[in-house]
Amino acid sequence: MKVAIMGTGKIAGTMAETLKETKGVTCYAVGSRTLENAEKFAKDYGFKKAYGSYAELVTDPKVDLIYVATPHSEHYENVKLAISAGRNVICEKAFMLNEKQAKKIFEFAEEKKVLVTEAIWTRYMPMRTKLMEILASNVIGEPTMLTANLSYNIAYKERIQKPELGGGALLDLGVYCLHFASMVFGNDVKDIASICTFNNLGMDMQDSITLRYADGKMAVLNATVLSTGDRNGVIYGSKGFIVVENINNPEAIAVYDNNYNKTAYYKRPKQKTGYEYEIEACVKAIGEGWLECPDIPHAETLKILNMMDFIRNNNHIVFPGENDISEAIETPAESTYEATQVSEIIPETEAEPSEEISEAAEQGEYEEEVNSGDDTSGTDN
């Protein structure tokens, strides 16, 4: 299967290294805003084709799957372009800026009969399956609460700082915390409380989020781009608790009983980069003729985006191209979360990205520190 990469930044390089070591796929083509960048990337990673525009890339009839590795702000237009040419797509998280954009993309993909999925790598990993097995064994009894945090000192990054790039901690780090909670407790969320701190451009630098579920379970989530943390997730049960070491790329899972004795410890299996699992899932899905991957169905992507829309709304976090959504909920602190409340009022943003934003996206190289990893050291920086 011939895979192409849209974008030439650090995260694209990690995927290129992954593709070279993954069975059933080949590094076929890369697209950039300049031919020079594309040709350098192709030479560095062994791609056969280099294109100086995304439009040229998507029209290559031999491309089977495109991995979109551009900033959040560009995802909608980039993925729409690929779908319009009939290409299957896996797009980096956060999948889109908001739920409204994602709905449009999924509808378009269904119309064109192509696979589109989100590259939220933790959904595809074997450690996710292991965690579900541990929970199903009832070894910690009934889980009632979880905590999760993800912290990296990356506030200086342009893609974090700027609203026009879809900046902030929520779409970059908080999304992992929300996915962790979703994988463990599901999506029947009834209330969301959140508070943030901001930079001088109105982008959230630190997020504290609490979810309350219909059955009374709770998830307390923290994300910051101002400091470094342990990145752990803890699931509390009636007979013990589970510690997931590094929710961004789980290195190990430890199980403890009510007396705080460690009763089991599961290490992460050897991996190439961690990206191979999402590519393998896409290969299987395309081979089966599926339009979504079972690991992260479209409904799951939409739910997470809907929650992030709600959190942004309550904290007045707005990206260019969106109307002021802060008035959607009259009393945010006292509101009861409803799944469709925010999605109905977020405007569609179909305008072509400005030259300034596109240039920043390319020059910034989309350095995704949180998605780089080492299978021996386990450090993601």
Protein backbone atom coordinates (compact mmCIF):
# COMPACT_ATOMS: atom_id res chain seq x y z
CA MET A 1 0.00 0.00 0.00
CA LYS A 2 1.48 3.33 -1.08
CA VAL A 3 1.44 5.90 1.73
CA ALA A 4 1.94 9.64 1.27
CA ILE A 5 2.68 12.28 3.90
CA MET A 6 1.29 15.80 3.82
CA GLY A 7 3.71 18.08 5.66
CA THR A 8 7.45 17.82 6.30
CA GLY A 9 7.88 18.56 10.01
CA LYS A 10 9.21 16.50 12.89
CA ILE A 11 6.08 14.43 13.31
CA ALA A 12 6.09 13.68 9.56
CA GLY A 13 9.67 12.47 9.92
CA THR A 14 8.66 10.13 12.73
CA MET A 15 5.93 8.67 10.58
CA ALA A 16 8.35 8.27 7.67
CA GLU A 17 10.73 6.29 9.87
CA THR A 18 7.77 4.16 10.97
CA LEU A 19 6.62 3.44 7.43
CA LYS A 20 10.07 2.17 6.47
CA GLU A 21 9.78 -0.52 9.17
CA THR A 22 6.11 -1.43 8.74
CA LYS A 23 5.05 -4.43 6.68
CA GLY A 24 2.54 -3.97 3.88
CA VAL A 25 3.27 -0.30 3.20
CA THR A 26 5.81 1.73 1.27
CA CYS A 27 7.06 5.31 1.54
CA TYR A 28 5.65 6.57 -1.72
CA ALA A 29 5.15 10.36 -1.79
CA VAL A 30 5.50 13.53 0.25
CA GLY A 31 3.89 16.92 -0.27
CA SER A 32 5.02 20.31 0.99
CA ARG A 33 4.31 23.97 0.25
CA THR A 34 7.67 24.13 -1.50
CA LEU A 35 9.30 21.62 -3.82
CA GLU A 36 12.62 22.18 -2.06
CA ASN A 37 11.24 21.00 1.29
CA ALA A 38 9.50 18.03 -0.32
CA GLU A 39 12.60 16.92 -2.22
CA LYS A 40 14.79 17.16 0.88
CA PHE A 41 12.29 15.12 2.91
CA ALA A 42 11.99 12.53 0.13
CA LYS A 43 15.75 12.17 -0.04
CA ASP A 44 16.15 11.94 3.75
CA TYR A 45 13.49 9.26 4.18
CA GLY A 46 13.52 7.39 0.88
CA PHE A 47 10.24 8.53 -0.69
CA LYS A 48 9.81 7.99 -4.42
CA LYS A 49 7.83 11.15 -5.20
CA ALA A 50 8.12 14.74 -4.00
CA TYR A 51 5.46 17.36 -4.67
CA GLY A 52 5.72 21.12 -4.15
CA SER A 53 2.02 21.50 -3.36
CA TYR A 54 -0.63 19.55 -1.53
CA ALA A 55 -2.89 19.71 -4.59
CA GLU A 56 -0.30 17.85 -6.67
CA LEU A 57 0.15 15.25 -3.95
CA VAL A 58 -3.52 14.31 -3.64
CA THR A 59 -4.00 14.00 -7.40
CA ASP A 60 -1.34 11.29 -7.73
CA PRO A 61 -3.50 8.25 -8.63
CA LYS A 62 -1.07 5.79 -7.04
CA VAL A 63 -1.50 7.17 -3.51
CA ASP A 64 -3.53 4.76 -1.34
CA LEU A 65 -3.37 6.59 2.01
CA ILE A 66 -2.39 10.12 3.06
CA TYR A 67 -1.11 10.92 6.53
CA VAL A 68 -1.89 14.58 7.33
CA ALA A 69 0.85 16.04 9.55
CA THR A 70 0.05 19.76 9.49
CA PRO A 71 -1.05 22.08 12.35
CA HIS A 72 -4.58 21.90 13.76
CA SER A 73 -5.61 25.03 11.89
CA GLU A 74 -4.93 23.42 8.51
CA HIS A 75 -6.55 20.03 9.04
CA TYR A 76 -9.98 20.89 7.67
CA GLU A 77 -8.79 22.21 4.33
CA ASN A 78 -6.03 19.63 3.98
CA VAL A 79 -8.25 16.63 4.68
CA LYS A 80 -11.06 18.01 2.51
CA LEU A 81 -8.58 18.40 -0.35
CA ALA A 82 -7.44 14.79 -0.02
CA ILE A 83 -11.00 13.45 0.15
CA SER A 84 -12.00 15.47 -2.92
CA ALA A 85 -9.36 13.51 -4.85
CA GLY A 86 -10.68 10.20 -3.52
CA ARG A 87 -7.82 9.53 -1.13
CA ASN A 88 -8.01 7.64 2.16
CA VAL A 89 -6.79 9.80 5.06
CA ILE A 90 -5.39 9.46 8.56
CA CYS A 91 -5.15 12.91 10.17
CA GLU A 92 -3.20 13.89 13.26
CA LYS A 93 -4.95 14.86 16.45
CA ALA A 94 -6.66 17.06 17.30
CA PHE A 95 -8.58 15.87 14.26
CA MET A 96 -10.22 19.25 13.57
CA LEU A 97 -10.61 22.58 15.34
CA ASN A 98 -14.18 21.73 16.32
CA GLU A 99 -16.95 19.18 15.99
CA LYS A 100 -18.71 21.03 13.18
CA GLN A 101 -15.67 20.70 10.93
CA ALA A 102 -15.32 17.00 11.77
CA LYS A 103 -18.96 16.31 10.93
CA LYS A 104 -18.52 17.95 7.54
CA ILE A 105 -15.39 15.92 6.88
CA PHE A 106 -17.00 12.60 7.83
CA GLU A 107 -20.05 13.35 5.69
CA PHE A 108 -17.80 14.19 2.73
CA ALA A 109 -15.75 11.01 3.27
CA GLU A 110 -18.90 8.89 3.30
CA GLU A 111 -20.04 10.55 0.09
CA LYS A 112 -16.68 9.81 -1.56
CA LYS A 113 -16.50 6.30 0.00
CA VAL A 114 -13.03 6.77 1.47
CA LEU A 115 -11.53 5.96 4.86
CA VAL A 116 -10.92 8.89 7.17
CA THR A 117 -9.64 8.38 10.71
CA GLU A 118 -7.92 10.28 13.50
CA ALA A 119 -4.27 9.55 14.31
CA ILE A 120 -4.75 9.50 18.08
CA TRP A 121 -2.12 6.81 18.56
CA THR A 122 -3.13 5.71 22.08
CA ARG A 123 -6.40 4.34 20.68
CA TYR A 124 -4.54 1.84 18.49
CA MET A 125 -1.85 0.62 20.89
CA PRO A 126 -1.64 -2.89 22.39
CA MET A 127 -1.40 -1.33 25.86
CA ARG A 128 -4.94 -0.05 25.44
CA THR A 129 -6.12 -3.63 24.93
CA LYS A 130 -4.13 -4.76 27.97
CA LEU A 131 -5.68 -2.02 30.12
CA MET A 132 -9.17 -3.06 29.05
CA GLU A 133 -8.35 -6.69 29.92
CA ILE A 134 -7.14 -5.69 33.38
CA LEU A 135 -10.27 -3.65 34.07
CA ALA A 136 -12.51 -6.46 32.81
CA SER A 137 -10.83 -8.92 35.19
CA ASN A 138 -12.32 -7.01 38.15
CA VAL A 139 -8.95 -7.07 39.90
CA ILE A 140 -9.52 -3.56 41.28
CA GLY A 141 -13.27 -4.01 41.64
CA GLU A 142 -15.60 -1.29 40.46
CA PRO A 143 -13.64 1.74 39.17
CA THR A 144 -15.15 4.97 40.44
CA MET A 145 -12.64 7.71 39.64
CA LEU A 146 -9.61 8.38 37.49
CA THR A 147 -7.00 11.09 37.22
CA ALA A 148 -4.78 11.83 34.25
CA ASN A 149 -2.23 14.50 33.46
CA LEU A 150 -0.04 15.39 30.53
CA SER A 151 2.62 18.05 30.85
CA TYR A 152 5.41 19.29 28.60
CA ASN A 153 7.37 22.53 28.74
CA ILE A 154 6.52 23.61 25.18
CA ALA A 155 4.78 26.97 25.62
CA TYR A 156 7.45 28.64 23.47
CA LYS A 157 6.31 26.72 20.37
CA GLU A 158 4.55 28.87 17.78
CA ARG A 159 1.85 26.25 17.25
CA ILE A 160 1.06 26.43 20.99
CA GLN A 161 1.13 30.21 21.27
CA LYS A 162 -0.95 31.33 18.31
CA PRO A 163 -4.75 31.27 17.88
CA GLU A 164 -4.37 31.16 14.08
CA LEU A 165 -2.58 27.81 14.40
CA GLY A 166 -5.21 26.30 16.70
CA GLY A 167 -2.94 26.79 19.69
CA GLY A 168 -3.23 26.08 23.39
CA ALA A 169 -2.85 23.09 25.68
CA LEU A 170 -6.30 21.60 25.15
CA LEU A 171 -6.06 20.53 21.50
CA ASP A 172 -2.43 19.51 21.88
CA LEU A 173 -2.30 17.77 25.29
CA GLY A 174 -5.73 17.85 26.90
CA VAL A 175 -7.07 15.78 24.02
CA TYR A 176 -5.00 12.82 25.27
CA CYS A 177 -6.42 13.15 28.77
CA LEU A 178 -9.96 13.22 27.40
CA HIS A 179 -9.31 10.16 25.24
CA PHE A 180 -7.85 8.33 28.25
CA ALA A 181 -10.98 9.02 30.27
CA SER A 182 -13.18 8.03 27.34
CA MET A 183 -11.41 4.69 26.88
CA VAL A 184 -11.84 3.83 30.56
CA PHE A 185 -15.24 5.29 31.48
CA GLY A 186 -16.99 5.75 28.14
CA ASN A 187 -18.77 8.87 26.96
CA ASP A 188 -21.94 9.26 29.02
CA VAL A 189 -20.69 12.55 30.46
CA LYS A 190 -23.30 14.66 32.22
CA ASP A 191 -21.28 17.56 33.60
CA ILE A 192 -17.98 19.23 32.71
CA ALA A 193 -16.22 21.79 34.91
CA SER A 194 -13.05 23.44 33.67
CA ILE A 195 -10.67 26.28 34.40
CA CYS A 196 -7.65 27.52 32.44
CA THR A 197 -4.79 29.98 32.49
CA PHE A 198 -3.88 31.87 29.33
CA ASN A 199 -1.09 33.53 27.40
CA ASN A 200 -1.37 37.11 26.12
CA LEU A 201 -3.09 35.90 22.93
CA GLY A 202 -5.90 34.15 24.77
CA MET A 203 -4.61 30.60 24.28
CA ASP A 204 -4.92 28.19 27.19
CA MET A 205 -1.57 27.27 28.71
CA GLN A 206 -2.93 25.15 31.56
CA ASP A 207 -6.24 23.27 31.76
CA SER A 208 -7.92 21.59 34.70
CA ILE A 209 -10.99 19.58 33.68
CA THR A 210 -13.42 17.50 35.74
CA LEU A 211 -15.95 15.15 34.13
CA ARG A 212 -18.94 13.65 35.95
CA TYR A 213 -20.61 10.65 34.34
CA ALA A 214 -24.24 9.54 34.49
CA ASP A 215 -23.35 6.62 36.77
CA GLY A 216 -21.50 8.86 39.24
CA LYS A 217 -17.96 8.14 38.11
CA MET A 218 -15.58 11.08 37.87
CA ALA A 219 -12.45 11.95 35.88
CA VAL A 220 -10.05 14.72 36.91
CA LEU A 221 -7.76 15.78 34.08
CA ASN A 222 -4.87 18.24 33.92
CA ALA A 223 -2.78 19.49 30.99
CA THR A 224 -0.06 22.14 30.92
CA VAL A 225 2.48 23.40 28.40
CA LEU A 226 4.34 25.37 31.07
CA SER A 227 6.05 22.56 32.96
CA THR A 228 7.02 18.91 32.96
CA GLY A 229 4.98 16.28 34.79
CA ASP A 230 4.80 12.52 35.33
CA ARG A 231 2.13 12.00 32.60
CA ASN A 232 0.48 9.28 34.66
CA GLY A 233 -3.08 8.06 34.68
CA VAL A 234 -4.55 6.49 37.82
CA ILE A 235 -7.79 4.48 37.95
CA TYR A 236 -9.28 4.09 41.42
CA GLY A 237 -11.39 1.02 42.25
CA SER A 238 -13.15 -0.54 45.22
CA LYS A 239 -10.48 -3.26 45.59
CA GLY A 240 -7.36 -1.39 44.46
CA PHE A 241 -6.03 0.92 41.79
CA ILE A 242 -4.17 0.94 38.48
CA VAL A 243 -1.32 3.27 37.49
CA VAL A 244 -0.70 3.80 33.78
CA GLU A 245 2.80 5.17 33.36
CA ASN A 246 2.66 7.85 30.64
CA ILE A 247 -0.83 8.13 29.16
CA ASN A 248 0.71 9.56 25.98
CA ASN A 249 2.58 6.35 25.12
CA PRO A 250 2.01 3.88 27.97
CA GLU A 251 5.30 2.42 29.15
CA ALA A 252 3.86 0.17 31.84
CA ILE A 253 0.71 -0.62 33.80
CA ALA A 254 0.96 -1.35 37.54
CA VAL A 255 -1.84 -2.90 39.60
CA TYR A 256 -2.14 -2.34 43.37
CA ASP A 257 -4.48 -3.86 45.96
CA ASN A 258 -6.25 -2.13 48.84
CA ASN A 259 -3.12 -2.46 50.98
CA TYR A 260 -1.03 -0.63 48.36
CA ASN A 261 0.84 -3.81 47.43
CA LYS A 262 1.84 -4.07 43.77
CA THR A 263 0.17 -7.24 42.50
CA ALA A 264 0.93 -7.05 38.78
CA TYR A 265 3.13 -5.12 36.37
CA TYR A 266 2.86 -5.10 32.58
CA LYS A 267 5.56 -3.54 30.41
CA ARG A 268 5.00 -2.04 26.99
CA PRO A 269 5.91 -4.43 24.16
CA LYS A 270 8.79 -3.37 21.95
CA GLN A 271 7.65 -0.87 19.36
CA LYS A 272 9.10 0.93 16.37
CA THR A 273 7.79 4.39 17.19
CA GLY A 274 4.24 3.63 18.29
CA TYR A 275 2.84 4.95 15.02
CA GLU A 276 2.88 1.53 13.37
CA TYR A 277 -0.35 0.45 15.04
CA GLU A 278 -2.45 3.21 13.50
CA ILE A 279 -0.99 2.52 10.05
CA GLU A 280 -1.65 -1.21 10.41
CA ALA A 281 -5.23 -0.39 11.41
CA CYS A 282 -5.66 1.75 8.29
CA VAL A 283 -4.25 -0.97 6.05
CA LYS A 284 -6.73 -3.46 7.50
CA ALA A 285 -9.65 -1.03 7.25
CA ILE A 286 -8.91 -0.15 3.62
CA GLY A 287 -8.50 -3.82 2.77
CA GLU A 288 -11.90 -4.54 4.32
CA GLY A 289 -13.55 -1.58 2.62
CA TRP A 290 -14.35 0.17 5.92
CA LEU A 291 -14.81 3.94 6.07
CA GLU A 292 -13.63 4.20 9.70
CA CYS A 293 -11.30 2.30 12.02
CA PRO A 294 -12.93 0.33 14.86
CA ASP A 295 -10.19 1.57 17.21
CA ILE A 296 -11.47 5.16 16.94
CA PRO A 297 -14.91 5.30 15.31
CA HIS A 298 -16.10 8.62 13.95
CA ALA A 299 -18.55 8.90 16.84
CA GLU A 300 -15.66 8.82 19.33
CA THR A 301 -13.77 11.58 17.51
CA LEU A 302 -16.93 13.71 17.40
CA LYS A 303 -17.61 13.20 21.10
CA ILE A 304 -14.12 14.28 22.16
CA LEU A 305 -14.29 17.34 19.89
CA ASN A 306 -17.72 18.18 21.27
CA MET A 307 -16.33 18.14 24.81
CA MET A 308 -13.40 20.30 23.77
CA ASP A 309 -15.83 22.72 22.11
CA PHE A 310 -17.74 22.92 25.38
CA ILE A 311 -14.56 23.52 27.39
CA ARG A 312 -13.37 26.21 24.98
CA ASN A 313 -16.76 27.84 25.06
CA ASN A 314 -16.81 27.99 28.84
CA ASN A 315 -13.32 29.47 28.90
CA HIS A 316 -13.80 31.87 25.96
CA ILE A 317 -11.11 30.24 23.81
CA VAL A 318 -11.75 31.21 20.20
CA PHE A 319 -9.79 30.52 17.03
CA PRO A 320 -9.87 32.82 13.98
CA GLY A 321 -12.66 31.87 11.62
CA GLU A 322 -15.03 30.99 14.44
CA ASN A 323 -17.73 33.28 15.76
CA ASP A 324 -17.73 34.24 19.43
CA ILE A 325 -19.13 31.09 21.02
CA SER A 326 -18.86 32.31 24.60
CA GLU A 327 -22.57 33.19 24.73
CA ALA A 328 -23.77 29.70 23.79
CA ILE A 329 -24.12 28.73 27.47
CA GLU A 330 -25.64 31.45 29.60
CA THR A 331 -24.29 30.21 32.92
CA PRO A 332 -21.26 28.00 32.17
CA ALA A 333 -20.34 27.26 35.76
CA GLU A 334 -23.82 25.93 36.53
CA SER A 335 -24.62 24.28 33.19
CA THR A 336 -25.31 20.60 32.65
CA TYR A 337 -23.30 19.26 29.75
CA GLU A 338 -25.30 18.19 26.70
CA ALA A 339 -23.70 16.43 23.77
CA THR A 340 -25.16 18.63 21.03
CA GLN A 341 -25.26 21.95 22.85
CA VAL A 342 -22.12 23.54 21.44
CA SER A 343 -21.88 21.77 18.10
CA GLU A 344 -24.99 23.46 16.79
CA ILE A 345 -23.61 26.98 17.05
CA ILE A 346 -20.00 26.66 15.96
CA PRO A 347 -19.72 28.11 12.46
CA GLU A 348 -18.32 26.24 9.51
CA THR A 349 -14.87 27.50 8.48
CA GLU A 350 -14.32 26.65 4.85
CA ALA A 351 -12.23 29.63 3.80
CA GLU A 352 -8.85 28.92 2.35
CA PRO A 353 -6.06 29.35 4.95
CA SER A 354 -4.28 32.66 4.68
CA GLU A 355 -0.80 32.81 3.23
CA GLU A 356 0.50 33.94 6.61
CA ILE A 357 -0.98 30.97 8.43
CA SER A 358 0.06 28.46 5.79
CA GLU A 359 3.61 29.79 5.81
CA ALA A 360 3.75 29.53 9.58
CA ALA A 361 2.47 25.99 9.37
CA GLU A 362 5.21 24.98 6.96
CA GLN A 363 8.05 26.92 8.55
CA GLY A 364 7.06 25.81 12.03
CA GLU A 365 7.62 22.24 10.89
CA TYR A 366 4.84 21.11 13.27
CA GLU A 367 7.23 19.76 15.87
CA GLU A 368 5.09 17.33 17.82
CA GLU A 369 7.26 16.55 20.85
CA VAL A 370 4.50 14.66 22.60
CA ASN A 371 4.28 12.15 19.76
CA SER A 372 7.94 11.26 19.48
CA GLY A 373 9.09 8.28 21.45
CA ASP A 374 11.87 5.79 22.10
CA ASP A 375 11.07 2.14 22.64
CA THR A 376 13.94 1.69 25.09
CA SER A 377 14.00 4.87 27.13
CA GLY A 378 10.28 5.53 26.94
CA THR A 379 10.85 9.28 26.90
CA ASP A 380 8.56 11.33 24.69
CA ASN A 381 10.34 14.60 24.16
